[in-house]
Amino acid sequence: MNLLFDVINIAFQVYIYIIFARIILSWIRHDPYNPVFRFIYDLTEPFLSIFRRIIPPLGMIDLSPIVALIALHVLRWVILSLLLRI
């Protein structure tokens, strides 16, 4: 059970770091065809697009990553809490 708990926790944490990387990359100039950026974009865009439909960007400010991070933390807390009860 501890192994499953740890794997799920690490998976959530890695995805949170990837979203943070996407946030930082959005602040600096980058080549959109760079393989690293494409990898980060391809991993995060499906999840962020869900929140972008709910909260559209306000001009140049996109709040979807912040809402997505909050949702990920809540989802991680719920899943890990349920695992602890098993």
Protein backbone atom coordinates (compact mmCIF):
# COMPACT_ATOMS: atom_id res chain seq x y z
CA MET A 1 0.00 0.00 0.00
CA ASN A 2 2.85 2.37 0.79
CA LEU A 3 4.35 1.79 -2.64
CA LEU A 4 1.08 2.71 -4.38
CA PHE A 5 0.71 5.76 -2.14
CA ASP A 6 4.27 6.89 -2.94
CA VAL A 7 3.93 6.30 -6.69
CA ILE A 8 0.71 8.31 -6.89
CA ASN A 9 2.14 11.08 -4.73
CA ILE A 10 5.31 11.31 -6.86
CA ALA A 11 3.29 11.29 -10.10
CA PHE A 12 1.22 14.24 -8.89
CA GLN A 13 4.34 16.08 -7.74
CA VAL A 14 6.11 15.58 -11.08
CA TYR A 15 3.07 16.86 -12.98
CA ILE A 16 2.92 19.90 -10.69
CA TYR A 17 6.59 20.62 -11.48
CA ILE A 18 5.87 20.29 -15.19
CA ILE A 19 3.05 22.85 -14.90
CA PHE A 20 5.43 25.18 -13.03
CA ALA A 21 7.94 24.75 -15.88
CA ARG A 22 5.21 25.69 -18.34
CA ILE A 23 4.40 28.80 -16.30
CA ILE A 24 8.06 29.87 -16.27
CA LEU A 25 8.46 29.17 -19.99
CA SER A 26 5.44 31.36 -20.72
CA TRP A 27 7.27 34.33 -19.18
CA ILE A 28 10.39 34.06 -21.34
CA ARG A 29 11.01 33.97 -25.06
CA HIS A 30 11.42 30.46 -26.36
CA ASP A 31 11.34 28.54 -29.59
CA PRO A 32 7.90 26.90 -29.78
CA TYR A 33 9.43 24.10 -31.86
CA ASN A 34 12.02 23.24 -29.22
CA PRO A 35 11.51 19.55 -28.29
CA VAL A 36 11.65 20.25 -24.55
CA PHE A 37 9.03 22.97 -24.77
CA ARG A 38 6.86 20.81 -27.05
CA PHE A 39 7.08 17.96 -24.53
CA ILE A 40 6.02 20.22 -21.66
CA TYR A 41 3.28 21.82 -23.76
CA ASP A 42 1.94 18.45 -24.97
CA LEU A 43 1.80 17.09 -21.41
CA THR A 44 0.08 20.11 -19.86
CA GLU A 45 -2.20 21.48 -22.58
CA PRO A 46 -4.98 18.84 -22.33
CA PHE A 47 -5.32 19.45 -18.58
CA LEU A 48 -4.99 23.24 -18.78
CA SER A 49 -7.49 23.52 -21.63
CA ILE A 50 -10.20 22.20 -19.30
CA PHE A 51 -9.68 25.16 -16.99
CA ARG A 52 -9.16 27.61 -19.86
CA ARG A 53 -12.70 26.82 -21.04
CA ILE A 54 -14.03 27.68 -17.58
CA ILE A 55 -11.81 30.72 -16.98
CA PRO A 56 -10.78 32.34 -20.27
CA PRO A 57 -7.51 34.32 -20.36
CA LEU A 58 -7.78 37.93 -19.22
CA GLY A 59 -5.85 39.70 -21.95
CA MET A 60 -2.27 38.48 -21.63
CA ILE A 61 -2.90 36.83 -18.25
CA ASP A 62 -3.84 33.15 -18.24
CA LEU A 63 -5.11 32.00 -14.86
CA SER A 64 -5.71 28.40 -15.91
CA PRO A 65 -2.34 27.11 -14.59
CA ILE A 66 -3.08 28.52 -11.13
CA VAL A 67 -6.54 26.97 -11.06
CA ALA A 68 -5.10 23.71 -12.41
CA LEU A 69 -2.47 23.63 -9.65
CA ILE A 70 -5.14 24.14 -7.00
CA ALA A 71 -7.27 21.40 -8.58
CA LEU A 72 -4.28 19.03 -8.69
CA HIS A 73 -3.52 19.61 -5.03
CA VAL A 74 -7.15 18.96 -4.07
CA LEU A 75 -7.32 15.87 -6.28
CA ARG A 76 -4.06 14.54 -4.84
CA TRP A 77 -5.34 15.12 -1.30
CA VAL A 78 -8.62 13.31 -2.03
CA ILE A 79 -6.98 10.32 -3.72
CA LEU A 80 -4.29 9.92 -1.07
CA SER A 81 -6.85 10.28 1.73
CA LEU A 82 -8.97 7.55 0.17
CA LEU A 83 -5.92 5.30 -0.15
CA LEU A 84 -5.11 5.76 3.52
CA ARG A 85 -8.60 4.54 4.47
CA ILE A 86 -8.17 1.27 2.57
